[in-house]
Each structure stands twice: as C-alpha cells, then as structure tokens.
Amino acid sequence: MSHSITIRCDICGATCTSDATDTVSAARAAMVPLSWARTLRDGQVIDVCSACRVREKVPGTLDREAGCSCEGGELFDVLGHDRFGHRLANTLLRAGVDSVERLSSLSAQQLRDLEGIGAASARRALSCLRSEPGG
C-alpha cells in the first residue's frame, strides 16, 4: 500500500507532497532542495514554501545535527536537533510542557522546578526561545 505525506506552507497554504518517504521528517528533508524551510515565527515553528521564503525573507531550514532522523516537532526544532536539545525536549514533554507556547509561559525558576531540568537546561531553553530563526 502506498501513501504520501503532504506538508502545507503555513503562510500561503501551498502544499508539497512526497510519495517517496514514510516519515514527516523525511518528507521535510526532501523539501529542502525545493527551497522550502522551517523557521520560527511568533514562537511557533512553521513550514514555509519557496515563494513565501523569498517574499518574507525567511532564513534557511532550522539546523539538524548530521544523521538526525527524529520525528521532531516544535520543541525539538526550537531546542535543537543535537543530543542536548533532544534530551531537553524529551524531559519537557515528560513534564507536560508539550508546546513552544507552554514553554514560553514558564520562567527560569519554573523550568528548574520541573523534574530533570537544571540550571543549564533552563538557560538553553530560554536562550533558544530568544534566538533568531536559523541562528
């Protein structure tokens, strides 16, 4: 049985469909040569088509560590696709922090009060929220 994965541009609604992949992260990776990107806008990770990327001056795709094949999600995309970012995102998910919006509502002290979150993790989370897309 064949299936396809369609990613929709969060700005204009254009779609990009991939028949050759079976995960969302693989479909997004297949979109990169087509100049699609993922970026952070107003605290949300969004998919952006090539036309909107040019028109809106959207930077390139959010960085992933080489070989990263996780399913991702907005917390992973914002916190980083490296070992520390993945560990932090998983810890936050276990603590019930399941969105960038929820993460943004927490102070450094509230983050440190969560099980498994120390000072370095709280700093990383808050720094990632403040950083510019793509950098």
C-alpha atoms as a PDB file:
ATOM      1  CA  MET A   1       0.000   0.000   0.000  1.00  0.00           C
ATOM      2  CA  SER A   2       1.453   3.339  -0.982  1.00  0.00           C
ATOM      3  CA  HIS A   3       0.825   6.625   0.731  1.00  0.00           C
ATOM      4  CA  SER A   4       2.103  10.149   0.571  1.00  0.00           C
ATOM      5  CA  ILE A   5       2.901  12.878   3.054  1.00  0.00           C
ATOM      6  CA  THR A   6       1.826  16.426   2.321  1.00  0.00           C
ATOM      7  CA  ILE A   7       3.382  19.444   4.028  1.00  0.00           C
ATOM      8  CA  ARG A   8       1.460  22.727   3.862  1.00  0.00           C
ATOM      9  CA  CYS A   9       3.039  26.201   3.840  1.00  0.00           C
ATOM     10  CA  ASP A  10       1.853  27.944   6.997  1.00  0.00           C
ATOM     11  CA  ILE A  11       1.882  31.319   5.253  1.00  0.00           C
ATOM     12  CA  CYS A  12       0.097  30.812   1.914  1.00  0.00           C
ATOM     13  CA  GLY A  13      -1.268  27.262   2.134  1.00  0.00           C
ATOM     14  CA  ALA A  14       0.752  25.858  -0.793  1.00  0.00           C
ATOM     15  CA  THR A  15       1.482  22.146  -0.476  1.00  0.00           C
ATOM     16  CA  CYS A  16       4.419  19.867  -1.183  1.00  0.00           C
ATOM     17  CA  THR A  17       3.724  16.126  -1.377  1.00  0.00           C
ATOM     18  CA  SER A  18       6.284  13.361  -1.060  1.00  0.00           C
ATOM     19  CA  ASP A  19       5.482   9.821  -2.168  1.00  0.00           C
ATOM     20  CA  ALA A  20       8.996   8.511  -1.571  1.00  0.00           C
ATOM     21  CA  THR A  21       9.060   8.872   2.220  1.00  0.00           C
ATOM     22  CA  ASP A  22       7.217   7.373   5.128  1.00  0.00           C
ATOM     23  CA  THR A  23       8.024   9.883   7.900  1.00  0.00           C
ATOM     24  CA  VAL A  24       7.285  13.564   8.248  1.00  0.00           C
ATOM     25  CA  SER A  25      10.946  14.347   8.945  1.00  0.00           C
ATOM     26  CA  ALA A  26      11.964  12.568   5.714  1.00  0.00           C
ATOM     27  CA  ALA A  27       9.305  14.490   3.781  1.00  0.00           C
ATOM     28  CA  ARG A  28      10.632  17.765   5.191  1.00  0.00           C
ATOM     29  CA  ALA A  29      14.185  16.756   4.280  1.00  0.00           C
ATOM     30  CA  ALA A  30      13.007  16.073   0.712  1.00  0.00           C
ATOM     31  CA  MET A  31      11.593  19.626   0.570  1.00  0.00           C
ATOM     32  CA  VAL A  32      14.943  21.321   1.280  1.00  0.00           C
ATOM     33  CA  PRO A  33      16.215  21.056  -2.339  1.00  0.00           C
ATOM     34  CA  LEU A  34      12.932  22.696  -3.376  1.00  0.00           C
ATOM     35  CA  SER A  35      13.868  25.695  -1.158  1.00  0.00           C
ATOM     36  CA  TRP A  36      11.178  25.033   1.436  1.00  0.00           C
ATOM     37  CA  ALA A  37      12.208  25.861   5.004  1.00  0.00           C
ATOM     38  CA  ARG A  38      11.176  25.546   8.626  1.00  0.00           C
ATOM     39  CA  THR A  39      11.525  28.644  10.742  1.00  0.00           C
ATOM     40  CA  LEU A  40      10.381  30.192  13.996  1.00  0.00           C
ATOM     41  CA  ARG A  41       7.749  32.907  13.802  1.00  0.00           C
ATOM     42  CA  ASP A  42       5.901  34.356  16.783  1.00  0.00           C
ATOM     43  CA  GLY A  43       7.056  31.461  18.959  1.00  0.00           C
ATOM     44  CA  GLN A  44       5.801  28.790  16.530  1.00  0.00           C
ATOM     45  CA  VAL A  45       7.793  26.597  14.166  1.00  0.00           C
ATOM     46  CA  ILE A  46       6.267  26.909  10.710  1.00  0.00           C
ATOM     47  CA  ASP A  47       6.773  25.365   7.267  1.00  0.00           C
ATOM     48  CA  VAL A  48       7.420  27.928   4.518  1.00  0.00           C
ATOM     49  CA  CYS A  49       7.270  27.346   0.735  1.00  0.00           C
ATOM     50  CA  SER A  50       9.957  28.709  -1.577  1.00  0.00           C
ATOM     51  CA  ALA A  51       7.815  31.621  -2.799  1.00  0.00           C
ATOM     52  CA  CYS A  52       6.942  32.782   0.711  1.00  0.00           C
ATOM     53  CA  ARG A  53      10.526  32.222   1.819  1.00  0.00           C
ATOM     54  CA  VAL A  54      11.711  34.750  -0.773  1.00  0.00           C
ATOM     55  CA  ARG A  55       8.813  37.164  -0.249  1.00  0.00           C
ATOM     56  CA  GLU A  56       9.036  37.067   3.562  1.00  0.00           C
ATOM     57  CA  LYS A  57      12.879  36.872   3.624  1.00  0.00           C
ATOM     58  CA  VAL A  58      12.773  33.672   5.678  1.00  0.00           C
ATOM     59  CA  PRO A  59      16.179  32.195   6.550  1.00  0.00           C
ATOM     60  CA  GLY A  60      17.150  28.608   5.713  1.00  0.00           C
ATOM     61  CA  THR A  61      15.964  25.424   7.336  1.00  0.00           C
ATOM     62  CA  LEU A  62      16.484  25.030  11.059  1.00  0.00           C
ATOM     63  CA  ASP A  63      19.747  23.194  11.678  1.00  0.00           C
ATOM     64  CA  ARG A  64      19.765  19.492  12.472  1.00  0.00           C
ATOM     65  CA  GLU A  65      22.719  17.522  13.640  1.00  0.00           C
ATOM     66  CA  ALA A  66      24.052  15.266  10.883  1.00  0.00           C
ATOM     67  CA  GLY A  67      22.204  11.965  10.921  1.00  0.00           C
ATOM     68  CA  CYS A  68      19.273  13.209  12.997  1.00  0.00           C
ATOM     69  CA  SER A  69      16.157  11.367  11.900  1.00  0.00           C
ATOM     70  CA  CYS A  70      13.803  12.105  14.786  1.00  0.00           C
ATOM     71  CA  GLU A  71      10.181  12.899  14.057  1.00  0.00           C
ATOM     72  CA  GLY A  72      10.842  16.294  15.553  1.00  0.00           C
ATOM     73  CA  GLY A  73       8.057  18.587  16.489  1.00  0.00           C
ATOM     74  CA  GLU A  74       8.170  22.177  17.527  1.00  0.00           C
ATOM     75  CA  LEU A  75      10.014  21.638  20.824  1.00  0.00           C
ATOM     76  CA  PHE A  76      12.760  19.637  19.101  1.00  0.00           C
ATOM     77  CA  ASP A  77      13.019  22.198  16.310  1.00  0.00           C
ATOM     78  CA  VAL A  78      13.320  25.106  18.737  1.00  0.00           C
ATOM     79  CA  LEU A  79      15.617  23.405  21.280  1.00  0.00           C
ATOM     80  CA  GLY A  80      17.892  21.868  18.655  1.00  0.00           C
ATOM     81  CA  HIS A  81      18.498  18.578  16.944  1.00  0.00           C
ATOM     82  CA  ASP A  82      21.558  17.652  18.939  1.00  0.00           C
ATOM     83  CA  ARG A  83      21.868  15.334  21.929  1.00  0.00           C
ATOM     84  CA  PHE A  84      21.281  18.095  24.483  1.00  0.00           C
ATOM     85  CA  GLY A  85      18.311  19.559  22.589  1.00  0.00           C
ATOM     86  CA  HIS A  86      16.676  16.145  22.196  1.00  0.00           C
ATOM     87  CA  ARG A  87      17.221  15.270  25.856  1.00  0.00           C
ATOM     88  CA  LEU A  88      15.794  18.623  26.946  1.00  0.00           C
ATOM     89  CA  ALA A  89      12.749  18.326  24.649  1.00  0.00           C
ATOM     90  CA  ASN A  90      12.019  14.792  25.878  1.00  0.00           C
ATOM     91  CA  THR A  91      12.343  15.869  29.518  1.00  0.00           C
ATOM     92  CA  LEU A  92       9.972  18.793  28.930  1.00  0.00           C
ATOM     93  CA  LEU A  93       7.463  16.529  27.181  1.00  0.00           C
ATOM     94  CA  ARG A  94       7.508  14.113  30.135  1.00  0.00           C
ATOM     95  CA  ALA A  95       6.885  17.096  32.442  1.00  0.00           C
ATOM     96  CA  GLY A  96       3.818  18.127  30.399  1.00  0.00           C
ATOM     97  CA  VAL A  97       5.433  21.001  28.503  1.00  0.00           C
ATOM     98  CA  ASP A  98       4.301  19.984  25.031  1.00  0.00           C
ATOM     99  CA  SER A  99       4.454  23.204  23.021  1.00  0.00           C
ATOM    100  CA  VAL A 100       6.621  26.253  22.457  1.00  0.00           C
ATOM    101  CA  GLU A 101       3.721  28.366  23.721  1.00  0.00           C
ATOM    102  CA  ARG A 102       3.684  26.479  27.031  1.00  0.00           C
ATOM    103  CA  LEU A 103       7.483  26.648  27.282  1.00  0.00           C
ATOM    104  CA  SER A 104       7.365  30.409  26.645  1.00  0.00           C
ATOM    105  CA  SER A 105       4.989  30.853  29.571  1.00  0.00           C
ATOM    106  CA  LEU A 106       7.496  29.457  32.091  1.00  0.00           C
ATOM    107  CA  SER A 107      10.120  31.431  33.989  1.00  0.00           C
ATOM    108  CA  ALA A 108      13.650  30.143  34.589  1.00  0.00           C
ATOM    109  CA  GLN A 109      12.674  29.164  38.144  1.00  0.00           C
ATOM    110  CA  GLN A 110       9.551  27.324  36.968  1.00  0.00           C
ATOM    111  CA  LEU A 111      11.700  25.412  34.474  1.00  0.00           C
ATOM    112  CA  ARG A 112      14.234  24.467  37.173  1.00  0.00           C
ATOM    113  CA  ASP A 113      11.371  23.249  39.360  1.00  0.00           C
ATOM    114  CA  LEU A 114      10.485  20.612  36.740  1.00  0.00           C
ATOM    115  CA  GLU A 115      11.820  17.077  37.248  1.00  0.00           C
ATOM    116  CA  GLY A 116      15.121  16.661  35.384  1.00  0.00           C
ATOM    117  CA  ILE A 117      15.639  20.336  34.478  1.00  0.00           C
ATOM    118  CA  GLY A 118      18.680  22.038  35.960  1.00  0.00           C
ATOM    119  CA  ALA A 119      20.161  25.483  35.515  1.00  0.00           C
ATOM    120  CA  ALA A 120      21.962  24.608  32.239  1.00  0.00           C
ATOM    121  CA  SER A 121      18.783  23.151  30.723  1.00  0.00           C
ATOM    122  CA  ALA A 122      16.703  26.151  31.768  1.00  0.00           C
ATOM    123  CA  ARG A 123      19.307  28.506  30.244  1.00  0.00           C
ATOM    124  CA  ARG A 124      19.338  26.508  26.996  1.00  0.00           C
ATOM    125  CA  ALA A 125      15.536  26.528  26.738  1.00  0.00           C
ATOM    126  CA  LEU A 126      15.241  30.261  27.363  1.00  0.00           C
ATOM    127  CA  SER A 127      18.176  31.045  25.063  1.00  0.00           C
ATOM    128  CA  CYS A 128      16.610  29.020  22.238  1.00  0.00           C
ATOM    129  CA  LEU A 129      13.327  30.875  22.671  1.00  0.00           C
ATOM    130  CA  ARG A 130      15.128  34.223  22.356  1.00  0.00           C
ATOM    131  CA  SER A 131      17.375  33.263  19.446  1.00  0.00           C
ATOM    132  CA  GLU A 132      16.659  34.310  15.901  1.00  0.00           C
ATOM    133  CA  PRO A 133      15.472  31.670  13.400  1.00  0.00           C
ATOM    134  CA  GLY A 134      18.283  29.809  11.722  1.00  0.00           C
ATOM    135  CA  GLY A 135      20.922  31.133  14.066  1.00  0.00           C
END
